[in-house]
Amino acid sequence: MIKRFATAAGLLALSTSFALAQTATQTDSNLKEWKVAKVAKVSLAQALTTAQAQGDEKGGRAIDADFEKAGSKDPAHYAIKVVYPSGKLVEYGINADTGALYKTENQPIERYFTRLKPADFQNAKTSLKDALVIAEQKAGGGKAYEAEVEKEGSAVEYEIKVAGADKEQTVKVGPDGKVVD
């Protein structure tokens, strides 16, 4: 009886250890993206500049940027969405180590934004690139690696993730360039 109890207790402890290890692994994989982004050779600001310089149409503004870890087919890269005055939306893949454009994909703007219009981005006083600088300063240094835009009232607002020395921070920047709490 005691032997069975000890065996059952041992199995319970073992399964609990596996569950805790799996949770720790999931947490590590979440942290890994910002850690990888922190050491990327190309900054998000540089990648935005490269993405906005692409295409035949002038006046495109970056509105969304995601850092993607290297996968089986793709290098570590920034996926940057640029909206043009005509309403065209293009996602550019910018290699995070070389800064080179490696993919282009046209996308329907309706798929991403229901309340935002191209004019909202063109009329914003603060660009995404400017908001990155503000967010990095607010976070006490670090490196911005992801950004998205939302509509707040009649203007755009940026939500930016910054990889710091030992953690990531999310900073919101309003259309006037001020940090939103």
Protein backbone atom coordinates (compact mmCIF):
# COMPACT_ATOMS: atom_id res chain seq x y z
CA MET A 1 0.00 0.00 0.00
CA ILE A 2 2.76 2.44 0.94
CA LYS A 3 4.66 1.45 -2.20
CA ARG A 4 1.61 2.24 -4.38
CA PHE A 5 1.11 5.55 -2.60
CA ALA A 6 4.76 6.46 -3.13
CA THR A 7 4.53 5.51 -6.81
CA ALA A 8 1.36 7.58 -7.25
CA ALA A 9 2.94 10.54 -5.44
CA GLY A 10 6.04 10.22 -7.61
CA LEU A 11 3.95 10.22 -10.80
CA LEU A 12 1.98 13.24 -9.59
CA ALA A 13 5.20 15.11 -8.83
CA LEU A 14 6.62 14.17 -12.21
CA SER A 15 3.53 15.32 -14.11
CA THR A 16 3.49 18.57 -12.12
CA SER A 17 7.14 19.13 -13.01
CA PHE A 18 6.36 18.62 -16.70
CA ALA A 19 3.46 21.08 -16.50
CA LEU A 20 5.65 23.69 -14.80
CA ALA A 21 8.43 23.15 -17.32
CA GLN A 22 5.97 23.58 -20.18
CA THR A 23 4.68 26.84 -18.65
CA ALA A 24 8.24 28.11 -18.20
CA THR A 25 9.02 27.25 -21.83
CA GLN A 26 5.97 29.16 -23.05
CA THR A 27 7.03 32.18 -20.99
CA ASP A 28 10.61 31.94 -22.30
CA SER A 29 9.35 31.79 -25.89
CA ASN A 30 7.31 34.96 -25.27
CA LEU A 31 10.36 36.73 -23.89
CA LYS A 32 12.58 35.40 -26.60
CA GLU A 33 11.07 37.61 -29.30
CA TRP A 34 11.95 40.84 -27.54
CA LYS A 35 15.36 39.48 -26.63
CA VAL A 36 16.02 38.62 -30.27
CA ALA A 37 14.71 42.03 -31.37
CA LYS A 38 16.99 43.76 -28.89
CA VAL A 39 20.10 42.42 -30.63
CA ALA A 40 18.91 42.86 -34.23
CA LYS A 41 21.46 44.80 -36.29
CA VAL A 42 18.78 46.95 -37.95
CA SER A 43 16.57 49.21 -35.82
CA LEU A 44 12.83 49.49 -36.36
CA ALA A 45 13.32 53.14 -37.36
CA GLN A 46 15.76 52.08 -40.12
CA ALA A 47 13.34 49.38 -41.29
CA LEU A 48 10.49 51.95 -41.42
CA THR A 49 12.61 54.24 -43.59
CA THR A 50 13.36 51.37 -45.97
CA ALA A 51 9.72 50.29 -46.15
CA GLN A 52 8.41 53.82 -46.75
CA ALA A 53 10.90 54.28 -49.61
CA GLN A 54 9.41 51.29 -51.50
CA GLY A 55 6.68 51.31 -54.10
CA ASP A 56 5.73 53.46 -57.06
CA GLU A 57 3.40 55.75 -55.13
CA LYS A 58 4.92 58.53 -53.02
CA GLY A 59 3.72 59.63 -49.58
CA GLY A 60 3.30 56.22 -47.98
CA ARG A 61 3.31 56.14 -44.17
CA ALA A 62 4.16 53.17 -42.00
CA ILE A 63 1.22 52.31 -39.76
CA ASP A 64 2.11 48.96 -38.24
CA ALA A 65 5.29 47.02 -37.56
CA ASP A 66 5.84 43.57 -36.11
CA PHE A 67 9.14 41.91 -35.33
CA GLU A 68 9.18 38.27 -36.41
CA LYS A 69 11.78 35.78 -35.23
CA ALA A 70 13.59 33.71 -37.83
CA GLY A 71 11.57 30.73 -39.00
CA SER A 72 12.22 27.79 -41.26
CA LYS A 73 11.85 29.92 -44.42
CA ASP A 74 12.13 33.50 -43.21
CA PRO A 75 14.98 35.43 -41.60
CA ALA A 76 14.36 37.53 -38.48
CA HIS A 77 12.52 40.51 -39.94
CA TYR A 78 10.18 43.43 -39.47
CA ALA A 79 6.79 43.09 -41.16
CA ILE A 80 5.87 46.71 -41.88
CA LYS A 81 2.52 47.85 -43.26
CA VAL A 82 2.60 51.05 -45.30
CA VAL A 83 -0.57 52.85 -46.37
CA TYR A 84 -0.49 55.16 -49.38
CA PRO A 85 -2.69 58.24 -50.02
CA SER A 86 -4.67 56.23 -52.61
CA GLY A 87 -5.67 53.74 -49.89
CA LYS A 88 -3.33 51.00 -51.07
CA LEU A 89 -1.88 48.92 -48.22
CA VAL A 90 1.39 47.02 -48.67
CA GLU A 91 3.29 44.88 -46.20
CA TYR A 92 7.06 44.91 -46.60
CA GLY A 93 9.40 42.37 -45.01
CA ILE A 94 12.66 44.03 -43.99
CA ASN A 95 15.51 41.72 -42.92
CA ALA A 96 16.44 42.61 -39.31
CA ASP A 97 20.12 41.77 -39.84
CA THR A 98 20.80 43.30 -43.26
CA GLY A 99 18.08 45.94 -43.66
CA ALA A 100 17.27 44.59 -47.12
CA LEU A 101 13.74 44.24 -48.49
CA TYR A 102 13.04 40.55 -48.91
CA LYS A 103 9.28 40.39 -49.53
CA THR A 104 6.36 42.54 -50.62
CA GLU A 105 2.68 41.72 -50.24
CA ASN A 106 -0.31 43.84 -51.29
CA GLN A 107 -3.13 43.62 -48.76
CA PRO A 108 -6.72 44.88 -48.62
CA ILE A 109 -6.93 47.77 -46.17
CA GLU A 110 -10.38 46.66 -44.98
CA ARG A 111 -8.80 43.51 -43.57
CA TYR A 112 -6.92 45.54 -40.97
CA PHE A 113 -8.79 48.73 -40.33
CA THR A 114 -12.48 49.30 -40.02
CA ARG A 115 -12.48 52.78 -38.51
CA LEU A 116 -9.18 54.14 -39.88
CA LYS A 117 -8.78 55.74 -43.27
CA PRO A 118 -5.61 56.61 -45.22
CA ALA A 119 -6.26 60.32 -44.56
CA ASP A 120 -6.08 59.68 -40.79
CA PHE A 121 -2.43 58.67 -41.19
CA GLN A 122 -1.60 61.46 -43.60
CA ASN A 123 -3.10 64.03 -41.21
CA ALA A 124 -1.36 62.73 -38.07
CA LYS A 125 1.03 65.33 -36.64
CA THR A 126 3.25 62.60 -35.21
CA SER A 127 4.51 59.87 -37.52
CA LEU A 128 5.11 56.31 -36.42
CA LYS A 129 8.85 56.91 -36.74
CA ASP A 130 8.65 59.94 -34.42
CA ALA A 131 6.51 57.94 -31.96
CA LEU A 132 9.25 55.27 -31.83
CA VAL A 133 11.80 57.82 -30.61
CA ILE A 134 9.37 59.12 -27.99
CA ALA A 135 8.57 55.58 -26.77
CA GLU A 136 12.25 54.63 -26.52
CA GLN A 137 12.93 57.75 -24.45
CA LYS A 138 9.93 57.11 -22.19
CA ALA A 139 11.09 53.51 -21.64
CA GLY A 140 14.49 54.77 -20.47
CA GLY A 141 16.35 53.55 -23.52
CA GLY A 142 15.91 50.18 -25.13
CA LYS A 143 14.92 49.36 -28.65
CA ALA A 144 11.45 49.67 -30.17
CA TYR A 145 10.58 46.48 -32.03
CA GLU A 146 6.83 46.47 -32.61
CA ALA A 147 4.24 49.16 -33.19
CA GLU A 148 0.61 49.38 -34.07
CA VAL A 149 -1.78 52.20 -34.65
CA GLU A 150 -5.29 52.65 -33.34
CA LYS A 151 -7.90 55.35 -33.75
CA GLU A 152 -8.48 57.41 -30.64
CA GLY A 153 -11.28 59.91 -31.16
CA SER A 154 -10.61 61.53 -34.51
CA ALA A 155 -6.87 60.90 -34.52
CA VAL A 156 -4.38 58.05 -34.54
CA GLU A 157 -2.59 56.72 -31.46
CA TYR A 158 0.49 54.49 -31.48
CA GLU A 159 1.15 51.52 -29.20
CA ILE A 160 4.85 50.64 -29.20
CA LYS A 161 6.70 47.73 -27.59
CA VAL A 162 10.23 48.50 -26.43
CA ALA A 163 12.82 45.83 -25.54
CA GLY A 164 14.78 46.99 -22.51
CA ALA A 165 17.80 45.49 -20.78
CA ASP A 166 15.75 42.98 -18.81
CA LYS A 167 12.11 43.39 -19.85
CA GLU A 168 9.76 44.76 -22.46
CA GLN A 169 7.54 47.81 -22.02
CA THR A 170 4.51 49.02 -23.92
CA VAL A 171 4.25 52.78 -24.45
CA LYS A 172 1.30 54.61 -26.02
CA VAL A 173 1.96 57.84 -27.90
CA GLY A 174 -0.85 60.18 -28.89
CA PRO A 175 -1.21 62.11 -32.15
CA ASP A 176 0.39 65.15 -30.53
CA GLY A 177 3.55 63.19 -29.63
CA LYS A 178 2.71 63.02 -25.93
CA VAL A 179 2.84 59.77 -23.97
CA VAL A 180 -0.62 58.53 -23.04
CA ASP A 181 -0.99 56.85 -19.64
